[in-house]
Amino acid sequence: MAAYLTVETFTALAICPAEYVEYIETQQPGWVDGQLAFWSGYIDSRLAKRYATPFDSDSPPIVVQGWLARLVTSRIYLKRGVDSTDAQITAVQDDSKAATDEIAEAANAKDGLYELPLRQDAPGGQGISRGAPLAYTETSPYVWMDQQEQIGRQEDRNGSG
């Protein structure tokens, strides 16, 4: 299973400084890649009932990449070491929790709040996958010709037109 972000793309998306990622990679090579792979699998496992997981690792949905970056960012801070009274770590942990909540919302969504590729074998996996204007008609597409004919005949009778 390939991760949805490389270390380089994670560094570009994450709010933690690149120096933190570099420091961890020099201290324990491969740890960041392992976290990216683990949390990619976590996202897939949460979304598997509704969405076509695993997503294409070459071009995964941007929202999935964002969730992954937010989840791993808090792990980067914890691995590097933080002061528990620091307000920034509280914000980072809240952001990670919000990402987890959004993943759970996407997994349970009945109305398709996230535009992700749906599973084709799941109920409702075929057909309309995006919202559209609601419209309904029982009229044939050819009725307009009949109506035009009636209007023309009425105008002939009235002497107008």
N, C-alpha and C. Protein backbone atom coordinates (compact mmCIF):
# COMPACT_ATOMS: atom_id res chain seq x y z
N MET A 1 0.85 -1.17 0.00
CA MET A 1 0.00 0.00 0.00
C MET A 1 0.89 1.23 0.00
N ALA A 2 0.74 2.04 -1.00
CA ALA A 2 1.53 3.27 -1.10
C ALA A 2 0.82 4.39 -0.33
N ALA A 3 1.62 5.23 0.28
CA ALA A 3 1.08 6.38 1.00
C ALA A 3 0.60 7.42 -0.01
N TYR A 4 -0.36 8.23 0.40
CA TYR A 4 -0.91 9.25 -0.47
C TYR A 4 -0.04 10.51 -0.54
N LEU A 5 0.99 10.58 0.31
CA LEU A 5 1.94 11.68 0.27
C LEU A 5 3.35 11.12 0.39
N THR A 6 4.28 11.75 -0.28
CA THR A 6 5.69 11.46 -0.05
C THR A 6 6.16 12.40 1.06
N VAL A 7 7.35 12.19 1.53
CA VAL A 7 7.88 13.08 2.57
C VAL A 7 7.95 14.51 2.04
N GLU A 8 8.32 14.66 0.77
CA GLU A 8 8.43 16.00 0.18
C GLU A 8 7.06 16.68 0.07
N THR A 9 6.06 15.96 -0.43
CA THR A 9 4.73 16.58 -0.55
C THR A 9 4.11 16.80 0.83
N PHE A 10 4.41 15.92 1.78
CA PHE A 10 3.92 16.14 3.14
C PHE A 10 4.52 17.42 3.71
N THR A 11 5.83 17.61 3.52
CA THR A 11 6.51 18.81 4.03
C THR A 11 5.89 20.07 3.43
N ALA A 12 5.50 20.00 2.17
CA ALA A 12 4.89 21.16 1.51
C ALA A 12 3.49 21.45 2.05
N LEU A 13 2.74 20.42 2.47
CA LEU A 13 1.37 20.60 2.95
C LEU A 13 1.26 20.83 4.45
N ALA A 14 2.18 20.28 5.21
CA ALA A 14 2.08 20.30 6.67
C ALA A 14 2.36 21.69 7.23
N ILE A 15 1.79 21.96 8.40
CA ILE A 15 2.04 23.25 9.04
C ILE A 15 3.29 23.23 9.90
N CYS A 16 3.85 22.06 10.15
CA CYS A 16 5.07 22.00 10.94
C CYS A 16 6.26 22.42 10.06
N PRO A 17 7.27 23.00 10.67
CA PRO A 17 8.45 23.41 9.90
C PRO A 17 9.15 22.21 9.26
N ALA A 18 9.72 22.41 8.10
CA ALA A 18 10.43 21.35 7.39
C ALA A 18 11.61 20.83 8.21
N GLU A 19 12.17 21.68 9.06
CA GLU A 19 13.30 21.26 9.90
C GLU A 19 12.90 20.14 10.85
N TYR A 20 11.64 20.15 11.31
CA TYR A 20 11.17 19.10 12.20
C TYR A 20 11.18 17.75 11.47
N VAL A 21 10.70 17.76 10.24
CA VAL A 21 10.66 16.53 9.45
C VAL A 21 12.08 16.04 9.16
N GLU A 22 12.95 16.97 8.78
CA GLU A 22 14.34 16.61 8.50
C GLU A 22 15.04 16.05 9.74
N TYR A 23 14.78 16.66 10.88
CA TYR A 23 15.38 16.19 12.13
C TYR A 23 14.95 14.75 12.43
N ILE A 24 13.68 14.47 12.30
CA ILE A 24 13.18 13.11 12.58
C ILE A 24 13.75 12.13 11.57
N GLU A 25 13.82 12.53 10.30
CA GLU A 25 14.36 11.64 9.27
C GLU A 25 15.84 11.32 9.50
N THR A 26 16.61 12.27 10.04
CA THR A 26 18.02 11.97 10.33
C THR A 26 18.15 11.11 11.58
N GLN A 27 17.26 11.30 12.54
CA GLN A 27 17.32 10.51 13.78
C GLN A 27 16.81 9.09 13.57
N GLN A 28 15.76 8.98 12.78
CA GLN A 28 15.14 7.67 12.55
C GLN A 28 14.64 7.60 11.10
N PRO A 29 15.52 7.26 10.17
CA PRO A 29 15.14 7.24 8.75
C PRO A 29 13.96 6.29 8.49
N GLY A 30 13.02 6.77 7.68
CA GLY A 30 11.87 5.97 7.32
C GLY A 30 10.67 6.11 8.24
N TRP A 31 10.85 6.78 9.37
CA TRP A 31 9.74 6.90 10.32
C TRP A 31 8.60 7.71 9.72
N VAL A 32 8.91 8.81 9.06
CA VAL A 32 7.86 9.65 8.47
C VAL A 32 7.14 8.88 7.37
N ASP A 33 7.89 8.16 6.52
CA ASP A 33 7.26 7.33 5.49
C ASP A 33 6.34 6.28 6.12
N GLY A 34 6.77 5.70 7.21
CA GLY A 34 5.95 4.71 7.91
C GLY A 34 4.66 5.32 8.42
N GLN A 35 4.75 6.52 8.97
CA GLN A 35 3.55 7.21 9.46
C GLN A 35 2.60 7.56 8.30
N LEU A 36 3.18 8.02 7.20
CA LEU A 36 2.35 8.35 6.03
C LEU A 36 1.63 7.10 5.51
N ALA A 37 2.32 5.97 5.47
CA ALA A 37 1.72 4.72 5.01
C ALA A 37 0.65 4.24 5.99
N PHE A 38 0.97 4.30 7.29
CA PHE A 38 0.00 3.86 8.30
C PHE A 38 -1.28 4.67 8.24
N TRP A 39 -1.15 5.99 8.23
CA TRP A 39 -2.35 6.84 8.26
C TRP A 39 -3.08 6.83 6.92
N SER A 40 -2.38 6.55 5.82
CA SER A 40 -3.07 6.34 4.54
C SER A 40 -3.96 5.10 4.64
N GLY A 41 -3.42 4.04 5.24
CA GLY A 41 -4.21 2.83 5.45
C GLY A 41 -5.38 3.06 6.39
N TYR A 42 -5.18 3.90 7.40
CA TYR A 42 -6.26 4.25 8.32
C TYR A 42 -7.40 4.93 7.57
N ILE A 43 -7.04 5.90 6.73
CA ILE A 43 -8.06 6.61 5.96
C ILE A 43 -8.81 5.63 5.05
N ASP A 44 -8.07 4.75 4.37
CA ASP A 44 -8.70 3.75 3.50
C ASP A 44 -9.66 2.85 4.29
N SER A 45 -9.22 2.41 5.46
CA SER A 45 -10.06 1.49 6.24
C SER A 45 -11.34 2.17 6.72
N ARG A 46 -11.28 3.45 7.02
CA ARG A 46 -12.48 4.18 7.46
C ARG A 46 -13.46 4.42 6.31
N LEU A 47 -12.92 4.59 5.10
CA LEU A 47 -13.76 4.96 3.95
C LEU A 47 -14.14 3.78 3.05
N ALA A 48 -13.65 2.59 3.35
CA ALA A 48 -13.80 1.45 2.44
C ALA A 48 -15.24 1.02 2.19
N LYS A 49 -16.14 1.22 3.13
CA LYS A 49 -17.53 0.78 2.94
C LYS A 49 -18.26 1.61 1.90
N ARG A 50 -17.87 2.86 1.74
CA ARG A 50 -18.60 3.77 0.85
C ARG A 50 -17.81 4.14 -0.40
N TYR A 51 -16.50 4.27 -0.26
CA TYR A 51 -15.69 4.80 -1.35
C TYR A 51 -14.74 3.75 -1.93
N ALA A 52 -14.31 3.98 -3.16
CA ALA A 52 -13.43 3.06 -3.89
C ALA A 52 -12.00 3.23 -3.39
N THR A 53 -11.70 2.59 -2.28
CA THR A 53 -10.36 2.65 -1.72
C THR A 53 -9.59 1.39 -2.09
N PRO A 54 -8.31 1.39 -2.16
CA PRO A 54 -7.43 2.55 -2.01
C PRO A 54 -7.54 3.46 -3.23
N PHE A 55 -7.39 4.75 -2.97
CA PHE A 55 -7.43 5.72 -4.05
C PHE A 55 -6.14 5.63 -4.86
N ASP A 56 -6.16 6.19 -6.04
CA ASP A 56 -4.98 6.20 -6.90
C ASP A 56 -3.86 6.95 -6.18
N SER A 57 -2.75 6.29 -5.90
CA SER A 57 -1.67 6.93 -5.14
C SER A 57 -0.92 7.97 -5.98
N ASP A 58 -1.07 7.92 -7.30
CA ASP A 58 -0.43 8.94 -8.15
C ASP A 58 -1.18 10.26 -8.13
N SER A 59 -2.50 10.19 -7.99
CA SER A 59 -3.31 11.41 -7.93
C SER A 59 -4.49 11.19 -6.99
N PRO A 60 -4.22 11.08 -5.70
CA PRO A 60 -5.30 10.89 -4.74
C PRO A 60 -6.11 12.18 -4.59
N PRO A 61 -7.35 12.07 -4.11
CA PRO A 61 -8.14 13.29 -3.89
C PRO A 61 -7.42 14.23 -2.93
N ILE A 62 -7.49 15.50 -3.22
CA ILE A 62 -6.78 16.50 -2.42
C ILE A 62 -7.27 16.51 -0.98
N VAL A 63 -8.54 16.23 -0.76
CA VAL A 63 -9.05 16.21 0.61
C VAL A 63 -8.41 15.08 1.40
N VAL A 64 -8.14 13.96 0.76
CA VAL A 64 -7.47 12.83 1.42
C VAL A 64 -6.04 13.22 1.77
N GLN A 65 -5.37 13.92 0.87
CA GLN A 65 -4.01 14.38 1.16
C GLN A 65 -4.01 15.36 2.34
N GLY A 66 -5.00 16.22 2.39
CA GLY A 66 -5.10 17.17 3.50
C GLY A 66 -5.32 16.46 4.83
N TRP A 67 -6.23 15.48 4.82
CA TRP A 67 -6.46 14.71 6.06
C TRP A 67 -5.17 14.04 6.51
N LEU A 68 -4.46 13.43 5.57
CA LEU A 68 -3.23 12.73 5.90
C LEU A 68 -2.19 13.68 6.48
N ALA A 69 -2.02 14.84 5.87
CA ALA A 69 -1.05 15.82 6.37
C ALA A 69 -1.42 16.27 7.78
N ARG A 70 -2.70 16.50 8.03
CA ARG A 70 -3.13 16.95 9.35
C ARG A 70 -2.94 15.88 10.41
N LEU A 71 -3.15 14.62 10.03
CA LEU A 71 -2.97 13.53 11.00
C LEU A 71 -1.49 13.32 11.34
N VAL A 72 -0.64 13.33 10.33
CA VAL A 72 0.78 13.06 10.56
C VAL A 72 1.48 14.26 11.20
N THR A 73 1.00 15.46 10.95
CA THR A 73 1.63 16.65 11.56
C THR A 73 1.65 16.54 13.08
N SER A 74 0.55 16.11 13.67
CA SER A 74 0.53 16.00 15.14
C SER A 74 1.52 14.94 15.60
N ARG A 75 1.70 13.88 14.82
CA ARG A 75 2.65 12.83 15.19
C ARG A 75 4.09 13.35 15.09
N ILE A 76 4.34 14.23 14.11
CA ILE A 76 5.67 14.83 13.96
C ILE A 76 6.01 15.63 15.23
N TYR A 77 5.05 16.45 15.66
CA TYR A 77 5.28 17.25 16.86
C TYR A 77 5.53 16.36 18.07
N LEU A 78 4.74 15.31 18.22
CA LEU A 78 4.90 14.42 19.37
C LEU A 78 6.23 13.67 19.32
N LYS A 79 6.64 13.25 18.14
CA LYS A 79 7.90 12.53 17.99
C LYS A 79 9.08 13.44 18.30
N ARG A 80 9.01 14.66 17.86
CA ARG A 80 10.09 15.62 18.09
C ARG A 80 10.15 16.04 19.55
N GLY A 81 8.99 16.10 20.18
CA GLY A 81 8.91 16.52 21.58
C GLY A 81 8.37 17.93 21.67
N VAL A 82 7.38 18.11 22.54
CA VAL A 82 6.75 19.42 22.69
C VAL A 82 6.47 19.67 24.17
N ASP A 83 6.31 20.93 24.48
CA ASP A 83 5.88 21.33 25.81
C ASP A 83 4.37 21.19 25.85
N SER A 84 3.86 20.41 26.78
CA SER A 84 2.41 20.15 26.81
C SER A 84 1.59 21.39 27.10
N THR A 85 2.22 22.45 27.62
CA THR A 85 1.48 23.68 27.88
C THR A 85 1.52 24.64 26.70
N ASP A 86 2.21 24.27 25.64
CA ASP A 86 2.33 25.10 24.45
C ASP A 86 0.97 25.18 23.76
N ALA A 87 0.52 26.39 23.48
CA ALA A 87 -0.78 26.58 22.83
C ALA A 87 -0.77 26.05 21.40
N GLN A 88 0.39 26.06 20.74
CA GLN A 88 0.45 25.60 19.36
C GLN A 88 0.17 24.10 19.27
N ILE A 89 0.69 23.31 20.20
CA ILE A 89 0.45 21.87 20.13
C ILE A 89 -1.02 21.56 20.36
N THR A 90 -1.67 22.36 21.18
CA THR A 90 -3.11 22.18 21.39
C THR A 90 -3.86 22.42 20.09
N ALA A 91 -3.48 23.46 19.36
CA ALA A 91 -4.12 23.74 18.06
C ALA A 91 -3.83 22.63 17.06
N VAL A 92 -2.61 22.11 17.05
CA VAL A 92 -2.25 21.02 16.12
C VAL A 92 -3.04 19.76 16.45
N GLN A 93 -3.16 19.45 17.74
CA GLN A 93 -3.93 18.26 18.14
C GLN A 93 -5.41 18.44 17.83
N ASP A 94 -5.94 19.65 18.01
CA ASP A 94 -7.34 19.91 17.66
C ASP A 94 -7.55 19.75 16.16
N ASP A 95 -6.59 20.19 15.36
CA ASP A 95 -6.68 20.04 13.91
C ASP A 95 -6.65 18.57 13.51
N SER A 96 -5.81 17.78 14.17
CA SER A 96 -5.75 16.35 13.90
C SER A 96 -7.07 15.67 14.28
N LYS A 97 -7.64 16.07 15.40
CA LYS A 97 -8.94 15.53 15.83
C LYS A 97 -10.03 15.92 14.84
N ALA A 98 -9.98 17.15 14.35
CA ALA A 98 -10.97 17.60 13.35
C ALA A 98 -10.84 16.78 12.07
N ALA A 99 -9.61 16.45 11.67
CA ALA A 99 -9.42 15.62 10.47
C ALA A 99 -10.02 14.23 10.69
N THR A 100 -9.81 13.66 11.87
CA THR A 100 -10.40 12.36 12.19
C THR A 100 -11.93 12.43 12.15
N ASP A 101 -12.50 13.50 12.68
CA ASP A 101 -13.95 13.68 12.66
C ASP A 101 -14.47 13.83 11.23
N GLU A 102 -13.74 14.54 10.38
CA GLU A 102 -14.14 14.70 8.98
C GLU A 102 -14.10 13.37 8.23
N ILE A 103 -13.11 12.55 8.53
CA ILE A 103 -13.02 11.22 7.91
C ILE A 103 -14.22 10.38 8.34
N ALA A 104 -14.56 10.44 9.61
CA ALA A 104 -15.72 9.69 10.11
C ALA A 104 -17.01 10.21 9.46
N GLU A 105 -17.11 11.52 9.29
CA GLU A 105 -18.28 12.11 8.62
C GLU A 105 -18.38 11.63 7.18
N ALA A 106 -17.24 11.59 6.49
CA ALA A 106 -17.24 11.12 5.10
C ALA A 106 -17.63 9.65 5.03
N ALA A 107 -17.19 8.86 5.99
CA ALA A 107 -17.50 7.43 5.99
C ALA A 107 -18.98 7.18 6.25
N ASN A 108 -19.62 8.04 7.01
CA ASN A 108 -21.03 7.85 7.37
C ASN A 108 -21.99 8.70 6.55
N ALA A 109 -21.50 9.51 5.66
CA ALA A 109 -22.33 10.45 4.93
C ALA A 109 -23.32 9.74 4.02
N LYS A 110 -24.56 10.11 4.13
CA LYS A 110 -25.60 9.58 3.24
C LYS A 110 -25.81 10.51 2.05
N ASP A 111 -25.47 11.77 2.24
CA ASP A 111 -25.74 12.76 1.20
C ASP A 111 -24.52 13.10 0.37
N GLY A 112 -23.43 12.39 0.54
CA GLY A 112 -22.24 12.64 -0.28
C GLY A 112 -21.62 13.99 -0.04
N LEU A 113 -21.28 14.29 1.21
CA LEU A 113 -20.72 15.60 1.53
C LEU A 113 -19.30 15.77 1.01
N TYR A 114 -18.63 14.69 0.71
CA TYR A 114 -17.28 14.74 0.15
C TYR A 114 -17.31 14.09 -1.22
N GLU A 115 -16.69 14.74 -2.18
CA GLU A 115 -16.66 14.25 -3.55
C GLU A 115 -15.48 13.29 -3.73
N LEU A 116 -15.70 12.05 -3.36
CA LEU A 116 -14.68 11.01 -3.50
C LEU A 116 -15.24 9.92 -4.41
N PRO A 117 -14.39 9.15 -5.07
CA PRO A 117 -14.89 8.09 -5.96
C PRO A 117 -15.67 7.03 -5.18
N LEU A 118 -16.92 6.81 -5.56
CA LEU A 118 -17.77 5.84 -4.88
C LEU A 118 -17.45 4.42 -5.31
N ARG A 119 -17.72 3.48 -4.43
CA ARG A 119 -17.59 2.06 -4.79
C ARG A 119 -18.71 1.72 -5.76
N GLN A 120 -18.40 0.96 -6.79
CA GLN A 120 -19.41 0.60 -7.78
C GLN A 120 -20.25 -0.58 -7.34
N ASP A 121 -19.75 -1.40 -6.42
CA ASP A 121 -20.51 -2.57 -5.98
C ASP A 121 -21.39 -2.27 -4.78
N ALA A 122 -21.30 -1.08 -4.22
CA ALA A 122 -22.11 -0.71 -3.05
C ALA A 122 -23.47 -0.21 -3.51
N PRO A 123 -24.50 -0.35 -2.65
CA PRO A 123 -25.81 0.21 -3.01
C PRO A 123 -25.69 1.72 -3.23
N GLY A 124 -26.22 2.18 -4.30
CA GLY A 124 -26.13 3.59 -4.63
C GLY A 124 -24.80 3.97 -5.24
N GLY A 125 -23.98 3.00 -5.56
CA GLY A 125 -22.66 3.27 -6.12
C GLY A 125 -22.71 3.61 -7.60
N GLN A 126 -23.84 3.40 -8.21
CA GLN A 126 -23.97 3.73 -9.63
C GLN A 126 -24.98 4.85 -9.77
N GLY A 127 -24.94 5.48 -10.88
CA GLY A 127 -25.89 6.56 -11.14
C GLY A 127 -25.31 7.89 -10.71
N ILE A 128 -26.16 8.77 -10.28
CA ILE A 128 -25.76 10.12 -9.94
C ILE A 128 -24.92 10.09 -8.67
N SER A 129 -23.74 10.67 -8.74
CA SER A 129 -22.89 10.72 -7.57
C SER A 129 -22.68 12.16 -7.10
N ARG A 130 -23.15 13.11 -7.86
CA ARG A 130 -23.06 14.51 -7.47
C ARG A 130 -24.45 15.11 -7.48
N GLY A 131 -24.66 16.11 -6.67
CA GLY A 131 -25.94 16.79 -6.64
C GLY A 131 -26.20 17.53 -7.93
N ALA A 132 -27.44 17.69 -8.26
CA ALA A 132 -27.82 18.41 -9.47
C ALA A 132 -29.17 19.08 -9.21
N PRO A 133 -29.55 20.01 -10.05
CA PRO A 133 -30.87 20.61 -9.88
C PRO A 133 -31.95 19.53 -9.96
N LEU A 134 -32.92 19.64 -9.10
CA LEU A 134 -33.99 18.66 -9.09
C LEU A 134 -35.06 19.08 -10.10
N ALA A 135 -35.37 18.22 -11.03
CA ALA A 135 -36.37 18.51 -12.05
C ALA A 135 -37.08 17.21 -12.40
N TYR A 136 -38.35 17.34 -12.79
CA TYR A 136 -39.12 16.17 -13.17
C TYR A 136 -40.18 16.61 -14.16
N THR A 137 -40.37 15.82 -15.17
CA THR A 137 -41.43 16.10 -16.12
C THR A 137 -41.92 14.80 -16.72
N GLU A 138 -43.19 14.77 -17.03
CA GLU A 138 -43.76 13.60 -17.71
C GLU A 138 -43.99 13.91 -19.18
N THR A 139 -43.61 15.10 -19.60
CA THR A 139 -43.83 15.53 -20.96
C THR A 139 -42.80 14.93 -21.89
N SER A 140 -43.28 14.52 -23.04
CA SER A 140 -42.40 14.01 -24.08
C SER A 140 -41.56 15.15 -24.63
N PRO A 141 -40.37 14.87 -25.10
CA PRO A 141 -39.56 15.94 -25.67
C PRO A 141 -40.16 16.50 -26.97
N TYR A 142 -41.20 15.87 -27.50
CA TYR A 142 -41.80 16.32 -28.76
C TYR A 142 -43.10 17.09 -28.56
N VAL A 143 -43.53 17.28 -27.32
CA VAL A 143 -44.79 17.97 -27.04
C VAL A 143 -44.74 19.41 -27.53
N TRP A 144 -43.58 20.03 -27.49
CA TRP A 144 -43.50 21.42 -27.92
C TRP A 144 -43.97 21.60 -29.35
N MET A 145 -43.73 20.58 -30.19
CA MET A 145 -44.17 20.70 -31.59
C MET A 145 -45.70 20.70 -31.67
N ASP A 146 -46.35 19.85 -30.85
CA ASP A 146 -47.81 19.83 -30.83
C ASP A 146 -48.35 21.16 -30.33
N GLN A 147 -47.73 21.72 -29.30
CA GLN A 147 -48.19 22.99 -28.76
C GLN A 147 -47.98 24.11 -29.78
N GLN A 148 -46.88 24.08 -30.50
CA GLN A 148 -46.63 25.09 -31.52
C GLN A 148 -47.68 25.01 -32.62
N GLU A 149 -48.04 23.78 -32.97
CA GLU A 149 -49.08 23.60 -34.00
C GLU A 149 -50.40 24.18 -33.53
N GLN A 150 -50.79 23.91 -32.30
CA GLN A 150 -52.06 24.42 -31.77
C GLN A 150 -52.06 25.94 -31.72
N ILE A 151 -50.94 26.54 -31.31
CA ILE A 151 -50.86 28.00 -31.25
C ILE A 151 -50.98 28.59 -32.65
N GLY A 152 -50.31 27.97 -33.63
CA GLY A 152 -50.38 28.45 -35.01
C GLY A 152 -51.79 28.37 -35.56
N ARG A 153 -52.49 27.26 -35.31
CA ARG A 153 -53.86 27.12 -35.81
C ARG A 153 -54.78 28.15 -35.15
N GLN A 154 -54.57 28.39 -33.85
CA GLN A 154 -55.40 29.38 -33.15
C GLN A 154 -55.14 30.77 -33.72
N GLU A 155 -53.89 31.10 -34.04
CA GLU A 155 -53.58 32.39 -34.62
C GLU A 155 -54.21 32.54 -36.01
N ASP A 156 -54.23 31.43 -36.79
CA ASP A 156 -54.86 31.45 -38.12
C ASP A 156 -56.35 31.75 -37.96
N ARG A 157 -57.01 31.13 -36.98
CA ARG A 157 -58.45 31.34 -36.77
C ARG A 157 -58.73 32.80 -36.37
N ASN A 158 -57.82 33.36 -35.58
CA ASN A 158 -58.02 34.72 -35.11
C ASN A 158 -57.63 35.77 -36.15
N GLY A 159 -56.95 35.32 -37.21
CA GLY A 159 -56.53 36.24 -38.25
C GLY A 159 -55.26 37.00 -37.88
N SER A 160 -54.58 36.56 -36.85
CA SER A 160 -53.32 37.23 -36.48
C SER A 160 -52.16 36.37 -36.93
N GLY A 161 -50.94 36.92 -36.85
CA GLY A 161 -49.74 36.17 -37.14
C GLY A 161 -49.26 36.27 -38.47
